[in-house]
């Protein structure tokens, strides 16, 4: 099993390192810790490439939360 850095995963997925860390903290991306470094397996990177980067469903364009008209939440 080959392991890649969070930076390499972020580059592959087209997201920031901080996004990868948030996804890992939320349990949406599996990571392993080796000598105090958090790494991601190539198979996990491939899984995300195939299924898409997980994200919140209630976000609109530009990452803004979407609201209904009239101030309803």
PDB file of N, CA and C in Angstrom:
ATOM      1  N   UNK A   1       0.862  -1.182   0.000  1.00  0.00           N
ATOM      2  CA  UNK A   1       0.000   0.000   0.000  1.00  0.00           C
ATOM      3  C   UNK A   1       0.900   1.234   0.000  1.00  0.00           C
ATOM      4  N   UNK A   2       0.798   2.019  -1.058  1.00  0.00           N
ATOM      5  CA  UNK A   2       1.566   3.254  -1.154  1.00  0.00           C
ATOM      6  C   UNK A   2       0.801   4.377  -0.462  1.00  0.00           C
ATOM      7  N   UNK A   3       1.536   5.220   0.231  1.00  0.00           N
ATOM      8  CA  UNK A   3       0.932   6.333   0.961  1.00  0.00           C
ATOM      9  C   UNK A   3       1.386   7.658   0.368  1.00  0.00           C
ATOM     10  N   UNK A   4       0.474   8.605   0.340  1.00  0.00           N
ATOM     11  CA  UNK A   4       0.755   9.937  -0.197  1.00  0.00           C
ATOM     12  C   UNK A   4       0.486  10.981   0.886  1.00  0.00           C
ATOM     13  N   UNK A   5       1.110  12.126   0.734  1.00  0.00           N
ATOM     14  CA  UNK A   5       0.914  13.221   1.692  1.00  0.00           C
ATOM     15  C   UNK A   5      -0.437  13.892   1.460  1.00  0.00           C
ATOM     16  N   UNK A   6      -0.860  14.654   2.440  1.00  0.00           N
ATOM     17  CA  UNK A   6      -2.101  15.418   2.304  1.00  0.00           C
ATOM     18  C   UNK A   6      -1.972  16.412   1.154  1.00  0.00           C
ATOM     19  N   UNK A   7      -0.806  16.997   0.972  1.00  0.00           N
ATOM     20  CA  UNK A   7      -0.581  17.933  -0.136  1.00  0.00           C
ATOM     21  C   UNK A   7      -0.775  17.241  -1.484  1.00  0.00           C
ATOM     22  N   UNK A   8      -0.246  16.023  -1.620  1.00  0.00           N
ATOM     23  CA  UNK A   8      -0.411  15.291  -2.878  1.00  0.00           C
ATOM     24  C   UNK A   8      -1.883  14.961  -3.138  1.00  0.00           C
ATOM     25  N   UNK A   9      -2.612  14.583  -2.096  1.00  0.00           N
ATOM     26  CA  UNK A   9      -4.040  14.304  -2.243  1.00  0.00           C
ATOM     27  C   UNK A   9      -4.783  15.571  -2.648  1.00  0.00           C
ATOM     28  N   UNK A  10      -4.464  16.686  -2.002  1.00  0.00           N
ATOM     29  CA  UNK A  10      -5.120  17.959  -2.316  1.00  0.00           C
ATOM     30  C   UNK A  10      -4.866  18.348  -3.773  1.00  0.00           C
ATOM     31  N   UNK A  11      -3.643  18.187  -4.233  1.00  0.00           N
ATOM     32  CA  UNK A  11      -3.311  18.503  -5.623  1.00  0.00           C
ATOM     33  C   UNK A  11      -4.092  17.619  -6.591  1.00  0.00           C
ATOM     34  N   UNK A  12      -4.207  16.341  -6.275  1.00  0.00           N
ATOM     35  CA  UNK A  12      -4.932  15.399  -7.130  1.00  0.00           C
ATOM     36  C   UNK A  12      -6.408  15.756  -7.203  1.00  0.00           C
ATOM     37  N   UNK A  13      -6.993  16.132  -6.068  1.00  0.00           N
ATOM     38  CA  UNK A  13      -8.429  16.425  -5.994  1.00  0.00           C
ATOM     39  C   UNK A  13      -8.763  17.854  -6.396  1.00  0.00           C
ATOM     40  N   UNK A  14      -7.770  18.714  -6.487  1.00  0.00           N
ATOM     41  CA  UNK A  14      -8.026  20.104  -6.856  1.00  0.00           C
ATOM     42  C   UNK A  14      -8.630  20.920  -5.730  1.00  0.00           C
ATOM     43  N   UNK A  15      -8.267  20.582  -4.487  1.00  0.00           N
ATOM     44  CA  UNK A  15      -8.756  21.308  -3.321  1.00  0.00           C
ATOM     45  C   UNK A  15      -7.564  21.730  -2.470  1.00  0.00           C
ATOM     46  N   UNK A  16      -7.829  22.487  -1.420  1.00  0.00           N
ATOM     47  CA  UNK A  16      -6.749  22.936  -0.547  1.00  0.00           C
ATOM     48  C   UNK A  16      -6.383  21.859   0.474  1.00  0.00           C
ATOM     49  N   UNK A  17      -5.200  22.009   1.045  1.00  0.00           N
ATOM     50  CA  UNK A  17      -4.753  21.120   2.120  1.00  0.00           C
ATOM     51  C   UNK A  17      -5.725  21.201   3.291  1.00  0.00           C
ATOM     52  N   UNK A  18      -6.216  22.399   3.566  1.00  0.00           N
ATOM     53  CA  UNK A  18      -7.141  22.582   4.681  1.00  0.00           C
ATOM     54  C   UNK A  18      -8.447  21.830   4.453  1.00  0.00           C
ATOM     55  N   UNK A  19      -8.901  21.763   3.200  1.00  0.00           N
ATOM     56  CA  UNK A  19     -10.104  20.997   2.887  1.00  0.00           C
ATOM     57  C   UNK A  19      -9.879  19.517   3.148  1.00  0.00           C
ATOM     58  N   UNK A  20      -8.733  18.993   2.757  1.00  0.00           N
ATOM     59  CA  UNK A  20      -8.424  17.581   2.997  1.00  0.00           C
ATOM     60  C   UNK A  20      -8.390  17.314   4.501  1.00  0.00           C
ATOM     61  N   UNK A  21      -7.791  18.210   5.261  1.00  0.00           N
ATOM     62  CA  UNK A  21      -7.739  18.023   6.718  1.00  0.00           C
ATOM     63  C   UNK A  21      -9.134  18.057   7.338  1.00  0.00           C
ATOM     64  N   UNK A  22      -9.993  18.968   6.858  1.00  0.00           N
ATOM     65  CA  UNK A  22     -11.375  19.029   7.367  1.00  0.00           C
ATOM     66  C   UNK A  22     -12.137  17.753   7.034  1.00  0.00           C
ATOM     67  N   UNK A  23     -11.962  17.247   5.808  1.00  0.00           N
ATOM     68  CA  UNK A  23     -12.626  16.010   5.414  1.00  0.00           C
ATOM     69  C   UNK A  23     -12.161  14.839   6.273  1.00  0.00           C
ATOM     70  N   UNK A  24     -10.867  14.791   6.565  1.00  0.00           N
ATOM     71  CA  UNK A  24     -10.333  13.721   7.412  1.00  0.00           C
ATOM     72  C   UNK A  24     -10.873  13.838   8.838  1.00  0.00           C
ATOM     73  N   UNK A  25     -10.929  15.063   9.357  1.00  0.00           N
ATOM     74  CA  UNK A  25     -11.444  15.275  10.716  1.00  0.00           C
ATOM     75  C   UNK A  25     -12.918  14.893  10.818  1.00  0.00           C
ATOM     76  N   UNK A  26     -13.654  15.080   9.724  1.00  0.00           N
ATOM     77  CA  UNK A  26     -15.082  14.739   9.704  1.00  0.00           C
ATOM     78  C   UNK A  26     -15.308  13.253   9.448  1.00  0.00           C
ATOM     79  N   UNK A  27     -14.241  12.508   9.167  1.00  0.00           N
ATOM     80  CA  UNK A  27     -14.363  11.079   8.921  1.00  0.00           C
ATOM     81  C   UNK A  27     -14.772  10.729   7.499  1.00  0.00           C
ATOM     82  N   UNK A  28     -14.700  11.687   6.588  1.00  0.00           N
ATOM     83  CA  UNK A  28     -15.097  11.454   5.201  1.00  0.00           C
ATOM     84  C   UNK A  28     -13.956  10.919   4.338  1.00  0.00           C
ATOM     85  N   UNK A  29     -12.730  11.062   4.841  1.00  0.00           N
ATOM     86  CA  UNK A  29     -11.545  10.561   4.156  1.00  0.00           C
ATOM     87  C   UNK A  29     -10.722   9.790   5.177  1.00  0.00           C
ATOM     88  N   UNK A  30     -10.343   8.567   4.814  1.00  0.00           N
ATOM     89  CA  UNK A  30      -9.549   7.734   5.726  1.00  0.00           C
ATOM     90  C   UNK A  30      -8.067   8.102   5.617  1.00  0.00           C
ATOM     91  N   UNK A  31      -7.428   8.298   6.748  1.00  0.00           N
ATOM     92  CA  UNK A  31      -6.001   8.610   6.784  1.00  0.00           C
ATOM     93  C   UNK A  31      -5.304   7.665   7.758  1.00  0.00           C
ATOM     94  N   UNK A  32      -3.986   7.594   7.655  1.00  0.00           N
ATOM     95  CA  UNK A  32      -3.169   6.859   8.613  1.00  0.00           C
ATOM     96  C   UNK A  32      -2.088   7.799   9.114  1.00  0.00           C
ATOM     97  N   UNK A  33      -1.655   7.584  10.333  1.00  0.00           N
ATOM     98  CA  UNK A  33      -0.592   8.401  10.907  1.00  0.00           C
ATOM     99  C   UNK A  33       0.666   7.557  11.011  1.00  0.00           C
ATOM    100  N   UNK A  34       1.738   8.056  10.422  1.00  0.00           N
ATOM    101  CA  UNK A  34       3.028   7.384  10.443  1.00  0.00           C
ATOM    102  C   UNK A  34       4.054   8.393  10.923  1.00  0.00           C
ATOM    103  N   UNK A  35       4.654   8.133  12.057  1.00  0.00           N
ATOM    104  CA  UNK A  35       5.675   9.036  12.613  1.00  0.00           C
ATOM    105  C   UNK A  35       5.175  10.477  12.650  1.00  0.00           C
ATOM    106  N   UNK A  36       3.994  10.681  13.170  1.00  0.00           N
ATOM    107  CA  UNK A  36       3.378  11.993  13.353  1.00  0.00           C
ATOM    108  C   UNK A  36       2.966  12.671  12.048  1.00  0.00           C
ATOM    109  N   UNK A  37       3.015  11.963  10.935  1.00  0.00           N
ATOM    110  CA  UNK A  37       2.558  12.506   9.649  1.00  0.00           C
ATOM    111  C   UNK A  37       1.254  11.834   9.278  1.00  0.00           C
ATOM    112  N   UNK A  38       0.281  12.613   8.863  1.00  0.00           N
ATOM    113  CA  UNK A  38      -0.990  12.068   8.395  1.00  0.00           C
ATOM    114  C   UNK A  38      -0.870  11.828   6.904  1.00  0.00           C
ATOM    115  N   UNK A  39      -1.103  10.568   6.496  1.00  0.00           N
ATOM    116  CA  UNK A  39      -0.961  10.177   5.105  1.00  0.00           C
ATOM    117  C   UNK A  39      -2.250   9.532   4.607  1.00  0.00           C
ATOM    118  N   UNK A  40      -2.396   9.491   3.291  1.00  0.00           N
ATOM    119  CA  UNK A  40      -3.585   8.938   2.665  1.00  0.00           C
ATOM    120  C   UNK A  40      -3.136   7.890   1.652  1.00  0.00           C
ATOM    121  N   UNK A  41      -3.790   6.734   1.673  1.00  0.00           N
ATOM    122  CA  UNK A  41      -3.415   5.667   0.750  1.00  0.00           C
ATOM    123  C   UNK A  41      -3.821   6.028  -0.676  1.00  0.00           C
ATOM    124  N   UNK A  42      -3.092   5.455  -1.637  1.00  0.00           N
ATOM    125  CA  UNK A  42      -3.421   5.689  -3.040  1.00  0.00           C
ATOM    126  C   UNK A  42      -4.825   5.185  -3.365  1.00  0.00           C
ATOM    127  N   UNK A  43      -5.238   4.096  -2.717  1.00  0.00           N
ATOM    128  CA  UNK A  43      -6.579   3.567  -2.979  1.00  0.00           C
ATOM    129  C   UNK A  43      -7.661   4.530  -2.480  1.00  0.00           C
ATOM    130  N   UNK A  44      -7.400   5.215  -1.370  1.00  0.00           N
ATOM    131  CA  UNK A  44      -8.358   6.208  -0.863  1.00  0.00           C
ATOM    132  C   UNK A  44      -8.406   7.419  -1.798  1.00  0.00           C
ATOM    133  N   UNK A  45      -7.256   7.824  -2.303  1.00  0.00           N
ATOM    134  CA  UNK A  45      -7.216   8.931  -3.260  1.00  0.00           C
ATOM    135  C   UNK A  45      -8.001   8.554  -4.516  1.00  0.00           C
ATOM    136  N   UNK A  46      -7.811   7.333  -4.997  1.00  0.00           N
ATOM    137  CA  UNK A  46      -8.537   6.865  -6.182  1.00  0.00           C
ATOM    138  C   UNK A  46     -10.038   6.785  -5.910  1.00  0.00           C
ATOM    139  N   UNK A  47     -10.436   6.374  -4.705  1.00  0.00           N
ATOM    140  CA  UNK A  47     -11.855   6.298  -4.352  1.00  0.00           C
ATOM    141  C   UNK A  47     -12.503   7.669  -4.438  1.00  0.00           C
ATOM    142  N   UNK A  48     -11.820   8.688  -3.927  1.00  0.00           N
ATOM    143  CA  UNK A  48     -12.365  10.050  -3.956  1.00  0.00           C
ATOM    144  C   UNK A  48     -12.395  10.580  -5.388  1.00  0.00           C
ATOM    145  N   UNK A  49     -11.397  10.246  -6.183  1.00  0.00           N
ATOM    146  CA  UNK A  49     -11.394  10.671  -7.590  1.00  0.00           C
ATOM    147  C   UNK A  49     -12.612  10.069  -8.302  1.00  0.00           C
ATOM    148  N   UNK A  50     -12.908   8.798  -8.009  1.00  0.00           N
ATOM    149  CA  UNK A  50     -14.019   8.111  -8.668  1.00  0.00           C
ATOM    150  C   UNK A  50     -15.382   8.614  -8.207  1.00  0.00           C
ATOM    151  N   UNK A  51     -15.503   8.915  -6.918  1.00  0.00           N
ATOM    152  CA  UNK A  51     -16.806   9.293  -6.365  1.00  0.00           C
ATOM    153  C   UNK A  51     -16.989  10.791  -6.219  1.00  0.00           C
ATOM    154  N   UNK A  52     -15.909  11.543  -6.269  1.00  0.00           N
ATOM    155  CA  UNK A  52     -15.983  12.990  -6.080  1.00  0.00           C
ATOM    156  C   UNK A  52     -15.641  13.363  -4.650  1.00  0.00           C
ATOM    157  N   UNK A  53     -15.144  14.554  -4.480  1.00  0.00           N
ATOM    158  CA  UNK A  53     -14.772  15.051  -3.156  1.00  0.00           C
ATOM    159  C   UNK A  53     -16.054  15.290  -2.364  1.00  0.00           C
ATOM    160  N   UNK A  54     -16.188  14.649  -1.193  1.00  0.00           N
ATOM    161  CA  UNK A  54     -17.404  14.853  -0.396  1.00  0.00           C
ATOM    162  C   UNK A  54     -17.485  16.286   0.108  1.00  0.00           C
ATOM    163  N   UNK A  55     -18.690  16.792   0.189  1.00  0.00           N
ATOM    164  CA  UNK A  55     -18.875  18.147   0.682  1.00  0.00           C
ATOM    165  C   UNK A  55     -20.295  18.342   1.158  1.00  0.00           C
ATOM    166  N   UNK A  56     -20.548  19.431   1.850  1.00  0.00           N
ATOM    167  CA  UNK A  56     -21.893  19.694   2.353  1.00  0.00           C
ATOM    168  C   UNK A  56     -22.875  19.918   1.209  1.00  0.00           C
ATOM    169  N   UNK A  57     -24.061  19.346   1.348  1.00  0.00           N
ATOM    170  CA  UNK A  57     -25.069  19.430   0.290  1.00  0.00           C
ATOM    171  C   UNK A  57     -25.766  20.779   0.273  1.00  0.00           C
ATOM    172  N   UNK A  58     -25.696  21.534   1.366  1.00  0.00           N
ATOM    173  CA  UNK A  58     -26.446  22.793   1.443  1.00  0.00           C
ATOM    174  C   UNK A  58     -25.606  24.005   1.076  1.00  0.00           C
ATOM    175  N   UNK A  59     -24.537  23.811   0.342  1.00  0.00           N
ATOM    176  CA  UNK A  59     -23.686  24.927  -0.063  1.00  0.00           C
ATOM    177  C   UNK A  59     -23.992  25.308  -1.503  1.00  0.00           C
ATOM    178  N   UNK A  60     -24.052  26.588  -1.753  1.00  0.00           N
ATOM    179  CA  UNK A  60     -24.290  27.088  -3.098  1.00  0.00           C
ATOM    180  C   UNK A  60     -22.992  27.479  -3.755  1.00  0.00           C
ATOM    181  N   UNK A  61     -23.082  28.265  -4.789  1.00  0.00           N
ATOM    182  CA  UNK A  61     -21.903  28.715  -5.516  1.00  0.00           C
ATOM    183  C   UNK A  61     -21.008  29.537  -4.597  1.00  0.00           C
ATOM    184  N   UNK A  62     -19.727  29.285  -4.640  1.00  0.00           N
ATOM    185  CA  UNK A  62     -18.772  30.035  -3.832  1.00  0.00           C
ATOM    186  C   UNK A  62     -18.735  29.596  -2.373  1.00  0.00           C
ATOM    187  N   UNK A  63     -19.356  28.448  -2.053  1.00  0.00           N
ATOM    188  CA  UNK A  63     -19.293  27.939  -0.694  1.00  0.00           C
ATOM    189  C   UNK A  63     -20.230  28.619   0.280  1.00  0.00           C
ATOM    190  N   UNK A  64     -21.103  29.492  -0.225  1.00  0.00           N
ATOM    191  CA  UNK A  64     -22.023  30.203   0.654  1.00  0.00           C
ATOM    192  C   UNK A  64     -23.217  29.322   0.976  1.00  0.00           C
ATOM    193  N   UNK A  65     -23.695  29.427   2.207  1.00  0.00           N
ATOM    194  CA  UNK A  65     -24.906  28.703   2.569  1.00  0.00           C
ATOM    195  C   UNK A  65     -26.066  29.307   1.792  1.00  0.00           C
ATOM    196  N   UNK A  66     -26.928  28.452   1.296  1.00  0.00           N
ATOM    197  CA  UNK A  66     -28.076  28.935   0.537  1.00  0.00           C
ATOM    198  C   UNK A  66     -29.241  29.206   1.483  1.00  0.00           C
ATOM    199  N   UNK A  67     -29.992  30.256   1.199  1.00  0.00           N
ATOM    200  CA  UNK A  67     -31.155  30.607   2.001  1.00  0.00           C
ATOM    201  C   UNK A  67     -32.375  30.699   1.109  1.00  0.00           C
ATOM    202  N   UNK A  68     -33.491  30.403   1.708  1.00  0.00           N
ATOM    203  CA  UNK A  68     -34.744  30.578   0.994  1.00  0.00           C
ATOM    204  C   UNK A  68     -35.121  32.049   1.028  1.00  0.00           C
ATOM    205  N   UNK A  69     -35.857  32.484   0.010  1.00  0.00           N
ATOM    206  CA  UNK A  69     -36.291  33.887  -0.028  1.00  0.00           C
ATOM    207  C   UNK A  69     -37.253  34.160   1.107  1.00  0.00           C
ATOM    208  N   UNK A  70     -37.288  35.378   1.559  1.00  0.00           N
ATOM    209  CA  UNK A  70     -38.200  35.761   2.629  1.00  0.00           C
ATOM    210  C   UNK A  70     -37.615  35.572   4.015  1.00  0.00           C
ATOM    211  N   UNK A  71     -36.324  35.271   4.082  1.00  0.00           N
ATOM    212  CA  UNK A  71     -35.666  35.148   5.376  1.00  0.00           C
ATOM    213  C   UNK A  71     -35.896  33.826   6.077  1.00  0.00           C
ATOM    214  N   UNK A  72     -36.583  32.873   5.430  1.00  0.00           N
ATOM    215  CA  UNK A  72     -36.795  31.563   6.041  1.00  0.00           C
ATOM    216  C   UNK A  72     -35.485  30.821   6.109  1.00  0.00           C
ATOM    217  N   UNK A  73     -35.354  29.970   7.083  1.00  0.00           N
ATOM    218  CA  UNK A  73     -34.142  29.164   7.223  1.00  0.00           C
ATOM    219  C   UNK A  73     -34.463  27.718   7.173  1.00  0.00           C
TER     220      UNK A  73
END
